[in-house]
N, C-alpha and C. Protein backbone atom coordinates (compact mmCIF):
# COMPACT_ATOMS: atom_id res chain seq x y z
N MET A 1 303.54 234.46 344.40
CA MET A 1 304.02 232.79 343.78
C MET A 1 305.47 233.32 343.48
N GLY A 2 306.46 232.47 343.20
CA GLY A 2 307.39 232.64 342.97
C GLY A 2 307.37 232.00 341.51
N ILE A 3 308.30 232.49 341.17
CA ILE A 3 308.97 232.29 339.42
C ILE A 3 309.02 230.76 339.29
N ASP A 4 309.44 230.05 340.53
CA ASP A 4 309.44 228.57 340.09
C ASP A 4 308.32 228.03 340.28
N ALA A 5 307.63 228.73 341.35
CA ALA A 5 305.89 227.93 341.30
C ALA A 5 305.51 228.42 340.52
N LEU A 6 305.56 229.86 339.62
CA LEU A 6 304.34 229.91 338.86
C LEU A 6 304.99 228.51 337.46
N ARG A 7 306.06 229.03 336.89
CA ARG A 7 306.72 228.24 336.22
C ARG A 7 306.06 226.52 336.45
N ALA A 8 306.22 226.24 337.64
CA ALA A 8 305.96 224.57 337.58
C ALA A 8 304.04 224.84 337.41
N ALA A 9 303.54 225.49 337.26
CA ALA A 9 302.44 225.73 337.25
C ALA A 9 301.79 225.82 335.68
N VAL A 10 302.70 226.96 335.59
CA VAL A 10 302.77 226.67 333.66
C VAL A 10 302.97 225.20 333.19
N GLU A 11 303.90 224.69 333.24
CA GLU A 11 304.17 223.41 333.25
C GLU A 11 303.72 222.14 333.27
N GLU A 12 302.74 222.13 334.87
CA GLU A 12 301.97 221.89 335.18
C GLU A 12 300.59 221.78 334.19
N GLU A 13 300.37 222.65 334.03
CA GLU A 13 299.08 223.03 333.06
C GLU A 13 299.17 222.85 331.82
N ALA A 14 300.86 222.55 331.26
CA ALA A 14 300.82 222.50 329.57
C ALA A 14 300.97 220.54 329.71
N ARG A 15 301.58 220.28 330.86
CA ARG A 15 301.03 218.94 330.38
C ARG A 15 300.20 218.30 330.54
N ALA A 16 299.06 219.12 331.38
CA ALA A 16 297.73 218.07 331.53
C ALA A 16 296.95 218.64 330.05
N ASN A 17 296.93 220.09 329.45
CA ASN A 17 296.45 220.33 328.17
C ASN A 17 297.55 219.51 326.92
N VAL A 18 298.34 219.16 327.14
CA VAL A 18 299.35 218.33 326.25
C VAL A 18 298.66 216.61 326.07
N ALA A 19 298.41 216.32 327.67
CA ALA A 19 298.16 214.89 327.84
C ALA A 19 296.27 215.04 326.97
N ALA A 20 295.58 216.17 327.83
CA ALA A 20 294.13 215.89 326.88
C ALA A 20 294.26 215.96 325.63
N LEU A 21 294.83 216.94 325.21
CA LEU A 21 295.45 216.64 323.38
C LEU A 21 295.52 215.28 323.08
N LEU A 22 297.43 214.82 323.25
CA LEU A 22 296.86 213.57 322.85
C LEU A 22 295.84 212.56 323.55
N ASP A 23 294.85 212.35 324.69
CA ASP A 23 294.04 211.56 324.71
C ASP A 23 292.90 212.22 323.39
N GLU A 24 292.97 213.24 323.65
CA GLU A 24 291.42 213.43 322.22
C GLU A 24 292.30 213.24 321.09
N ALA A 25 293.35 213.32 320.63
CA ALA A 25 293.97 212.78 319.54
C ALA A 25 294.05 211.21 319.09
N ARG A 26 294.09 210.82 320.48
CA ARG A 26 294.36 208.94 319.95
C ARG A 26 292.51 208.89 319.57
N ALA A 27 291.42 209.74 320.71
CA ALA A 27 290.24 209.04 320.83
C ALA A 27 289.81 209.28 318.56
N HIS A 28 290.14 210.31 319.14
CA HIS A 28 290.03 211.15 316.99
C HIS A 28 290.28 209.96 316.71
N ALA A 29 291.45 209.09 316.81
CA ALA A 29 292.47 208.44 315.71
C ALA A 29 291.76 207.57 316.07
N ARG A 30 291.26 207.08 317.20
CA ARG A 30 290.05 205.45 317.16
C ARG A 30 289.60 205.78 316.21
N ALA A 31 288.85 206.79 316.63
CA ALA A 31 287.70 206.95 316.13
C ALA A 31 287.72 206.96 314.29
N LEU A 32 288.61 207.50 313.93
CA LEU A 32 288.76 207.91 312.10
C LEU A 32 289.15 206.09 312.26
N GLY A 33 289.65 205.46 312.94
CA GLY A 33 290.18 203.93 312.72
C GLY A 33 289.26 203.29 313.20
N ALA A 34 288.28 203.33 313.49
CA ALA A 34 287.17 202.87 313.35
C ALA A 34 286.06 202.91 312.24
N GLU A 35 286.20 204.07 311.84
CA GLU A 35 285.29 204.73 310.79
C GLU A 35 285.88 204.03 309.80
N ALA A 36 287.13 204.23 309.33
CA ALA A 36 287.57 204.32 308.07
C ALA A 36 287.30 201.78 308.06
N ALA A 37 288.00 201.01 309.37
CA ALA A 37 287.61 199.97 309.21
C ALA A 37 286.38 199.18 308.96
N GLU A 38 284.97 200.68 309.17
CA GLU A 38 283.66 199.58 308.81
C GLU A 38 283.62 200.36 307.66
N GLU A 39 283.67 201.69 307.25
CA GLU A 39 283.98 201.87 305.70
C GLU A 39 284.52 200.46 304.83
N ALA A 40 286.05 200.57 305.36
CA ALA A 40 286.72 199.03 304.73
C ALA A 40 285.34 197.78 304.80
N SER A 41 284.82 197.43 305.53
CA SER A 41 284.29 196.29 305.71
C SER A 41 283.16 196.26 305.02
N ALA A 42 282.39 197.38 304.59
CA ALA A 42 281.23 197.97 303.93
C ALA A 42 281.81 198.00 302.81
N ARG A 43 282.70 198.73 302.29
CA ARG A 43 283.60 198.21 300.78
C ARG A 43 283.49 197.01 300.43
N ARG A 44 284.00 195.96 301.05
CA ARG A 44 284.45 194.32 300.98
C ARG A 44 282.84 193.57 301.04
N ARG A 45 282.19 194.50 302.05
CA ARG A 45 280.89 193.56 301.42
C ARG A 45 279.97 193.91 300.45
N ARG A 46 280.28 195.52 300.11
CA ARG A 46 279.81 195.70 298.69
C ARG A 46 280.09 194.97 297.57
N SER A 47 281.69 195.07 298.06
CA SER A 47 282.48 193.89 296.65
C SER A 47 281.85 193.00 296.22
N LEU A 48 282.25 192.39 297.20
CA LEU A 48 281.73 190.64 297.92
C LEU A 48 279.91 190.38 297.48
N ARG A 49 279.14 191.56 297.58
CA ARG A 49 277.95 191.34 296.58
C ARG A 49 277.67 191.06 295.27
N ASP A 50 278.42 192.71 294.90
CA ASP A 50 278.50 192.68 293.79
C ASP A 50 279.26 191.37 292.92
N GLU A 51 280.78 191.05 293.45
CA GLU A 51 281.04 189.42 292.61
C GLU A 51 280.41 188.93 292.43
N GLU A 52 279.59 188.51 293.84
CA GLU A 52 278.44 187.40 293.98
C GLU A 52 277.57 187.51 293.02
N ALA A 53 277.09 188.52 292.81
CA ALA A 53 275.89 189.22 292.07
C ALA A 53 276.36 188.54 290.03
N ARG A 54 277.09 189.11 289.88
CA ARG A 54 278.52 189.02 288.90
C ARG A 54 278.79 186.95 288.69
N LEU A 55 278.90 186.78 289.41
CA LEU A 55 279.51 185.12 289.37
C LEU A 55 278.10 184.46 288.94
N ARG A 56 276.62 185.06 290.15
CA ARG A 56 275.21 184.09 289.68
C ARG A 56 274.90 184.46 288.35
N SER A 57 275.07 186.02 287.70
CA SER A 57 274.36 185.67 286.52
C SER A 57 275.27 185.05 285.55
N ALA A 58 276.76 185.27 285.70
CA ALA A 58 277.61 184.34 284.64
C ALA A 58 277.45 182.78 285.18
N THR A 59 277.04 182.47 285.96
CA THR A 59 276.65 180.89 286.25
C THR A 59 275.39 181.00 285.14
N ALA A 60 274.23 181.67 285.43
CA ALA A 60 272.36 181.32 285.28
C ALA A 60 273.26 181.53 283.43
N ARG A 61 273.99 182.63 282.75
CA ARG A 61 274.50 182.40 281.68
C ARG A 61 274.53 180.93 281.36
N ARG A 62 276.06 180.43 281.53
CA ARG A 62 276.20 179.58 281.05
C ARG A 62 275.37 178.11 280.97
N ILE A 63 274.80 178.16 282.56
CA ILE A 63 273.71 177.29 282.80
C ILE A 63 272.67 177.24 281.91
N ALA A 64 272.11 178.18 281.48
CA ALA A 64 271.36 178.62 280.33
C ALA A 64 271.37 177.79 278.83
N ALA A 65 273.00 178.53 278.44
CA ALA A 65 274.17 178.18 277.55
C ALA A 65 274.22 176.78 277.38
N ALA A 66 274.36 175.96 278.53
CA ALA A 66 274.15 174.40 278.49
C ALA A 66 273.36 173.87 278.38
N ARG A 67 272.36 173.96 278.69
CA ARG A 67 270.76 173.89 278.68
C ARG A 67 270.34 174.01 276.89
N GLY A 68 270.72 175.13 276.77
CA GLY A 68 270.12 175.36 274.74
C GLY A 68 270.87 174.61 273.89
N ALA A 69 272.42 174.02 274.47
CA ALA A 69 272.83 173.03 273.65
C ALA A 69 272.49 171.64 273.74
N ALA A 70 272.27 171.34 275.11
CA ALA A 70 271.17 169.72 275.62
C ALA A 70 270.28 169.60 274.63
N GLN A 71 270.00 170.82 274.52
CA GLN A 71 268.12 170.91 273.59
C GLN A 71 268.51 170.78 272.39
N ALA A 72 269.21 171.57 271.49
CA ALA A 72 269.88 171.30 270.23
C ALA A 72 270.77 169.60 270.12
N ARG A 73 270.84 169.04 270.72
CA ARG A 73 271.88 167.87 270.76
C ARG A 73 270.45 167.13 270.57
N VAL A 74 269.15 166.74 271.71
CA VAL A 74 268.60 165.84 272.40
C VAL A 74 267.71 166.44 270.46
N LEU A 75 267.51 167.58 270.20
CA LEU A 75 267.01 167.97 269.18
C LEU A 75 267.37 167.16 267.72
N GLU A 76 269.08 167.11 267.96
CA GLU A 76 269.27 166.75 266.71
C GLU A 76 269.30 165.35 266.82
N ALA A 77 269.26 164.60 268.16
CA ALA A 77 269.80 162.87 267.46
C ALA A 77 267.96 162.98 267.50
N ARG A 78 267.34 163.48 267.62
CA ARG A 78 265.90 163.82 267.22
C ARG A 78 265.46 163.55 265.71
N ASP A 79 265.87 163.87 265.02
CA ASP A 79 265.54 164.19 263.96
C ASP A 79 266.83 162.99 263.29
N VAL A 80 268.00 162.94 263.46
CA VAL A 80 268.17 161.92 263.25
C VAL A 80 267.88 160.49 263.01
N LEU A 81 267.43 160.12 264.86
CA LEU A 81 266.31 158.81 264.79
C LEU A 81 265.02 159.22 263.67
N LEU A 82 264.02 160.48 264.15
CA LEU A 82 263.02 160.52 262.84
C LEU A 82 263.81 160.08 261.53
N ASP A 83 264.59 160.46 261.01
CA ASP A 83 265.11 160.09 259.37
C ASP A 83 265.47 158.87 259.51
N ARG A 84 266.35 157.65 260.40
CA ARG A 84 266.38 156.66 260.28
C ARG A 84 264.99 155.51 260.05
N VAL A 85 264.20 155.87 261.15
CA VAL A 85 262.73 155.80 260.87
C VAL A 85 261.54 155.59 259.71
N PHE A 86 262.11 156.82 259.35
CA PHE A 86 260.36 157.33 257.99
C PHE A 86 261.64 156.30 257.36
N ALA A 87 262.83 156.21 256.74
CA ALA A 87 263.45 155.27 256.57
C ALA A 87 263.13 154.20 256.02
N LEU A 88 263.55 153.91 256.90
CA LEU A 88 262.78 152.01 257.76
C LEU A 88 261.67 151.27 256.96
N ALA A 89 260.49 153.23 257.50
CA ALA A 89 258.93 152.95 257.07
C ALA A 89 259.04 153.05 256.01
N CYS A 90 259.81 153.87 254.94
CA CYS A 90 259.60 153.78 253.46
C CYS A 90 260.24 152.57 253.10
N ASP A 91 261.12 151.60 253.40
CA ASP A 91 261.51 150.62 253.28
C ASP A 91 260.03 149.17 253.14
N GLN A 92 259.30 149.33 254.40
CA GLN A 92 258.94 148.63 254.98
C GLN A 92 257.42 148.38 254.06
N LEU A 93 256.96 149.87 253.68
CA LEU A 93 255.98 150.67 253.21
C LEU A 93 255.97 149.43 251.33
N ARG A 94 257.41 150.05 250.92
CA ARG A 94 257.66 149.15 249.43
C ARG A 94 257.37 147.39 249.72
N ALA A 95 258.21 146.84 250.84
CA ALA A 95 257.94 145.76 250.94
C ALA A 95 256.28 145.26 250.64
N ALA A 96 255.94 146.08 252.08
CA ALA A 96 254.12 145.96 252.07
C ALA A 96 253.17 145.97 250.76
N LEU A 97 253.79 146.60 249.69
CA LEU A 97 253.13 146.29 248.85
C LEU A 97 253.11 145.47 247.73
N ASP A 98 253.94 143.95 248.75
CA ASP A 98 252.96 142.82 247.89
C ASP A 98 252.24 142.09 248.60
N SER A 99 251.80 142.95 249.04
CA SER A 99 250.02 142.39 250.13
C SER A 99 249.17 142.64 248.96
N PRO A 100 248.19 141.98 248.43
CA PRO A 100 246.83 142.24 247.94
C PRO A 100 246.22 143.25 249.08
N ALA A 101 246.26 143.77 250.07
CA ALA A 101 245.33 144.85 250.75
C ALA A 101 246.20 145.90 250.43
N ALA A 102 247.13 145.88 250.85
CA ALA A 102 248.02 147.12 250.64
C ALA A 102 247.61 147.67 248.95
N LEU A 103 247.72 146.54 248.10
CA LEU A 103 247.99 146.38 246.57
C LEU A 103 246.51 147.36 246.04
N GLN A 104 245.58 147.47 246.82
CA GLN A 104 244.00 147.75 246.51
C GLN A 104 244.19 149.13 247.39
N ARG A 105 244.73 149.46 248.35
CA ARG A 105 244.85 150.23 249.11
C ARG A 105 245.53 151.39 247.89
N MET A 106 246.32 150.73 247.27
CA MET A 106 247.10 152.08 246.21
C MET A 106 246.12 152.36 244.84
N VAL A 107 245.36 150.79 244.44
CA VAL A 107 244.10 151.03 243.43
C VAL A 107 243.15 152.13 244.08
N ASP A 108 242.66 151.38 245.50
CA ASP A 108 241.98 153.29 245.99
C ASP A 108 242.53 154.38 245.74
N LEU A 109 243.58 154.61 246.41
CA LEU A 109 244.10 155.67 246.18
C LEU A 109 244.22 156.73 244.70
N VAL A 110 244.55 155.82 243.89
CA VAL A 110 244.16 156.08 242.31
C VAL A 110 243.11 156.95 242.30
N GLU A 111 241.57 155.63 242.56
CA GLU A 111 240.16 156.47 241.83
C GLU A 111 240.01 157.96 242.94
N GLU A 112 240.72 158.08 243.94
CA GLU A 112 240.34 159.15 244.38
C GLU A 112 241.25 159.87 244.28
N ALA A 113 242.34 160.15 243.21
CA ALA A 113 243.14 160.83 242.88
C ALA A 113 242.44 160.79 241.53
N ILE A 114 241.61 160.43 241.16
CA ILE A 114 241.08 160.83 239.76
C ILE A 114 240.25 161.95 239.90
N GLY A 115 239.33 161.25 241.47
CA GLY A 115 238.14 162.01 241.74
C GLY A 115 238.71 163.35 241.76
N HIS A 116 239.69 163.90 242.32
CA HIS A 116 239.93 165.27 242.55
C HIS A 116 241.36 166.13 240.58
N LEU A 117 241.09 164.89 240.05
CA LEU A 117 241.63 165.72 238.69
C LEU A 117 240.15 166.35 237.41
N SER A 118 240.79 167.40 236.94
CA SER A 118 240.02 167.63 235.75
C SER A 118 239.02 166.44 234.95
N ALA A 119 238.02 166.39 234.09
CA ALA A 119 237.69 165.68 233.48
C ALA A 119 238.19 165.86 232.40
N GLY A 120 238.53 164.31 231.76
CA GLY A 120 238.82 163.95 230.65
C GLY A 120 240.01 162.82 230.71
N ARG A 121 240.99 162.30 229.95
CA ARG A 121 241.86 161.25 229.91
C ARG A 121 243.02 161.64 231.33
N VAL A 122 242.49 161.00 232.08
CA VAL A 122 243.89 160.97 233.67
C VAL A 122 244.91 160.03 233.24
N VAL A 123 246.33 160.72 233.28
CA VAL A 123 247.48 159.76 233.43
C VAL A 123 248.04 159.32 234.75
N ILE A 124 248.02 157.77 235.07
CA ILE A 124 248.74 157.72 236.23
C ILE A 124 250.02 156.81 235.63
N ALA A 125 251.45 158.00 236.06
CA ALA A 125 252.81 157.33 235.92
C ALA A 125 252.92 156.83 237.75
N CYS A 126 253.36 155.97 237.13
CA CYS A 126 253.39 154.98 238.64
C CYS A 126 255.06 154.02 238.80
N SER A 127 255.25 153.79 239.96
CA SER A 127 256.35 152.73 240.30
C SER A 127 256.04 151.16 239.05
N SER A 128 257.46 150.75 238.97
CA SER A 128 257.43 149.30 238.35
C SER A 128 256.57 148.67 238.76
N GLU A 129 256.42 147.85 239.98
CA GLU A 129 256.18 147.10 241.59
C GLU A 129 254.68 147.56 240.78
N LEU A 130 254.09 148.65 240.74
CA LEU A 130 252.41 148.54 240.32
C LEU A 130 252.23 149.32 239.24
N ALA A 131 252.38 148.73 238.32
CA ALA A 131 252.63 148.80 236.73
C ALA A 131 251.63 147.55 237.14
N GLU A 132 251.49 146.56 237.25
CA GLU A 132 250.73 145.36 236.34
C GLU A 132 249.54 145.55 237.30
N PRO A 133 249.43 145.64 238.53
CA PRO A 133 248.24 145.58 239.27
C PRO A 133 247.33 146.92 238.74
N PHE A 134 248.07 147.88 238.58
CA PHE A 134 247.14 149.18 238.11
C PHE A 134 246.33 149.12 236.44
N VAL A 135 247.36 148.42 236.11
CA VAL A 135 246.43 147.92 234.40
C VAL A 135 245.28 146.98 234.29
N GLU A 136 245.91 146.09 235.53
CA GLU A 136 244.95 144.89 235.63
C GLU A 136 243.53 145.58 235.84
N ALA A 137 243.91 146.51 237.10
CA ALA A 137 242.59 147.27 237.43
C ALA A 137 241.75 148.36 236.88
N PHE A 138 242.44 148.99 235.90
CA PHE A 138 242.04 150.33 235.40
C PHE A 138 241.57 149.67 233.61
N ALA A 139 242.34 148.34 233.51
CA ALA A 139 241.70 147.53 232.40
C ALA A 139 240.35 148.22 232.08
N GLY A 140 240.09 148.33 230.58
CA GLY A 140 238.92 148.83 229.71
C GLY A 140 238.17 150.48 230.00
N ARG A 141 239.23 150.68 231.27
CA ARG A 141 238.59 152.41 230.85
C ARG A 141 239.53 153.42 230.50
N GLU A 142 238.61 153.93 229.42
CA GLU A 142 239.34 154.54 228.27
C GLU A 142 240.05 156.02 228.90
N ASP A 143 239.09 156.24 230.33
CA ASP A 143 239.63 157.57 230.84
C ASP A 143 240.51 157.70 231.79
N VAL A 144 240.87 156.42 231.41
CA VAL A 144 243.05 155.92 232.51
C VAL A 144 243.62 155.53 231.74
N ARG A 145 244.81 156.39 232.08
CA ARG A 145 246.40 155.99 231.03
C ARG A 145 247.51 155.98 231.93
N ILE A 146 247.96 153.90 232.20
CA ILE A 146 248.33 153.76 232.76
C ILE A 146 250.08 153.53 232.28
N GLU A 147 250.81 154.71 233.15
CA GLU A 147 252.37 154.54 232.10
C GLU A 147 253.33 154.44 233.49
N PRO A 148 253.87 153.15 232.81
CA PRO A 148 255.09 153.18 234.16
C PRO A 148 256.15 153.51 233.98
N ASP A 149 256.87 153.88 235.15
CA ASP A 149 257.97 154.56 234.93
C ASP A 149 259.32 154.42 235.76
N PRO A 150 260.07 153.70 235.43
CA PRO A 150 261.07 152.91 235.97
C PRO A 150 262.33 153.60 237.07
N GLU A 151 262.44 154.59 236.83
CA GLU A 151 262.71 156.26 237.86
C GLU A 151 261.73 156.57 238.59
N MET A 152 260.42 156.32 238.86
CA MET A 152 260.08 156.77 239.74
C MET A 152 259.62 156.60 241.04
N PRO A 153 259.66 156.89 242.52
CA PRO A 153 259.82 155.93 243.62
C PRO A 153 258.63 155.32 243.79
N CYS A 154 258.66 154.52 244.73
CA CYS A 154 257.17 153.56 244.91
C CYS A 154 256.33 154.07 244.72
N GLY A 155 255.40 154.23 244.84
CA GLY A 155 253.69 155.10 244.14
C GLY A 155 253.27 155.07 242.62
N PHE A 156 252.94 156.77 242.87
CA PHE A 156 252.31 157.10 241.71
C PHE A 156 252.02 158.79 241.50
N ARG A 157 251.97 158.83 240.55
CA ARG A 157 251.70 160.28 240.04
C ARG A 157 250.39 160.41 239.36
N ALA A 158 249.41 161.56 239.49
CA ALA A 158 248.43 161.58 238.93
C ALA A 158 248.01 163.18 238.19
N HIS A 159 247.92 162.89 236.59
CA HIS A 159 247.67 164.46 236.67
C HIS A 159 246.44 164.10 235.69
N GLY A 160 245.05 165.46 235.10
CA GLY A 160 244.77 164.91 234.17
C GLY A 160 244.88 165.60 232.64
N PRO A 161 244.03 165.86 231.87
CA PRO A 161 244.84 166.88 230.47
C PRO A 161 244.99 168.18 230.89
N ASP A 162 244.97 168.85 231.47
CA ASP A 162 245.35 169.97 231.73
C ASP A 162 246.45 169.83 232.40
N HIS A 163 247.11 169.14 233.54
CA HIS A 163 248.40 168.91 234.05
C HIS A 163 248.09 170.04 235.17
N ALA A 164 247.04 170.91 235.15
CA ALA A 164 246.61 171.71 236.54
C ALA A 164 247.01 171.40 238.05
N VAL A 165 246.43 169.72 238.07
CA VAL A 165 247.02 169.25 239.17
C VAL A 165 247.32 168.29 239.43
N ILE A 166 248.42 167.70 239.94
CA ILE A 166 248.96 166.58 240.42
C ILE A 166 249.11 165.93 241.41
N VAL A 167 248.30 165.07 241.68
CA VAL A 167 248.72 164.01 242.49
C VAL A 167 249.75 163.65 243.12
N ASP A 168 250.62 163.23 244.07
CA ASP A 168 251.45 163.02 244.17
C ASP A 168 251.31 161.33 245.22
N ALA A 169 251.10 160.64 244.80
CA ALA A 169 251.17 159.55 246.32
C ALA A 169 252.46 158.61 245.76
N THR A 170 253.35 158.97 246.17
CA THR A 170 254.43 158.31 246.21
C THR A 170 254.59 158.19 247.49
N LEU A 171 255.36 156.40 247.97
CA LEU A 171 255.42 156.48 249.31
C LEU A 171 256.03 157.47 250.57
N ALA A 172 256.91 157.64 249.68
CA ALA A 172 258.13 158.98 250.23
C ALA A 172 256.97 160.16 249.91
N LYS A 173 256.33 160.64 249.85
CA LYS A 173 254.95 161.62 249.74
C LYS A 173 254.18 161.75 250.78
N LEU A 174 253.82 160.56 250.84
CA LEU A 174 252.86 159.73 251.37
C LEU A 174 253.24 160.29 252.98
N LEU A 175 254.34 159.55 253.16
CA LEU A 175 255.17 159.69 254.66
C LEU A 175 255.62 161.18 254.35
N GLU A 176 255.96 161.79 253.94
CA GLU A 176 256.33 163.23 253.93
C GLU A 176 255.57 164.07 254.97
N LEU A 177 253.75 163.97 253.83
CA LEU A 177 252.90 164.83 254.43
C LEU A 177 252.26 164.24 255.38
N ARG A 178 252.83 162.52 256.11
CA ARG A 178 252.01 163.25 257.69
C ARG A 178 253.22 162.98 258.37
N ARG A 179 254.51 163.05 257.56
CA ARG A 179 255.60 163.03 258.69
C ARG A 179 255.45 163.63 260.20
N PRO A 180 254.59 164.99 260.28
CA PRO A 180 254.47 165.47 261.15
C PRO A 180 253.39 165.24 262.47
N MET A 181 252.61 164.04 261.69
CA MET A 181 251.95 163.79 262.74
C MET A 181 252.72 162.68 262.92
N LEU A 182 252.76 161.50 262.21
CA LEU A 182 253.73 160.64 262.67
C LEU A 182 254.96 160.97 263.44
N ALA A 183 255.65 161.84 263.81
CA ALA A 183 256.57 161.98 263.89
C ALA A 183 256.79 162.47 265.97
N ILE A 184 255.59 162.93 265.97
CA ILE A 184 255.20 163.30 267.41
C ILE A 184 254.50 161.90 268.13
N GLU A 185 254.10 160.91 267.43
CA GLU A 185 253.59 159.69 267.30
C GLU A 185 255.33 158.85 268.60
N VAL A 186 255.91 159.03 267.27
CA VAL A 186 256.87 157.80 267.66
C VAL A 186 257.81 158.66 268.72
N LEU A 187 257.89 159.27 268.42
CA LEU A 187 258.19 160.14 269.80
C LEU A 187 257.90 160.36 271.09
N GLN A 188 256.63 160.10 271.03
CA GLN A 188 255.75 159.54 272.53
C GLN A 188 256.06 158.57 272.79
N ARG A 189 256.30 157.17 271.78
CA ARG A 189 255.89 155.95 271.80
C ARG A 189 258.05 155.97 272.47
N LEU A 190 259.08 156.67 272.12
CA LEU A 190 259.98 156.66 272.36
C LEU A 190 260.12 156.79 274.02
N GLU A 191 259.79 157.92 274.22
CA GLU A 191 259.07 158.93 275.77
C GLU A 191 258.51 157.58 276.79
N ARG A 192 257.78 156.89 276.50
CA ARG A 192 257.59 156.12 276.92
C ARG A 192 257.91 154.07 276.95
N GLY A 193 258.55 154.50 275.69
CA GLY A 193 259.27 152.76 275.62
C GLY A 193 258.81 151.72 275.36
N ASP A 194 257.78 152.37 274.32
CA ASP A 194 256.66 151.48 273.38
C ASP A 194 257.75 150.49 272.42
N LYS A 195 257.64 149.65 272.71
CA LYS A 195 258.72 149.04 271.43
C LYS A 195 257.82 148.67 270.39
N GLY A 196 256.58 148.67 270.01
CA GLY A 196 255.77 148.61 268.93
C GLY A 196 254.96 150.01 268.61
């Protein structure tokens, strides 16, 4: 084989090797590109999942905070409503003392209070509107002294000689003692839409 033929054969083999290397490099580059694209896609999916989870969590926190704020506003509104209802009830109870039945109930409460106090002279400090009915109801009882107090809210306070126990039966105190039970009833009626 001549030099030209040898050179042509070497060149041909070199071209073939170069073409094979280029094909292999291109295939490797395509594989690396596909791998890089898949890796980038997986990173984007992970990033999107992480961002979605972060947004869901932030949204859940905002919703919980909004619910809490709304519930707080509802509770505040209920408190304001209950304060108004009980203020109105106290005013209406004062007006109700004009009835003989209500006055008799107050006299009965004095009798109950006396039963809880130590033996001896009981002092009944009462609001002005109850002074006359109490004086009449307990006239002739040496163990009961009625003391009108124009500063006292509607109702009475009773104590024995030792002041160990004081029975507070002012209308405001009676309402305060029953407020939790009455508040539940008022709110239930409100939710049902009762008018009475």
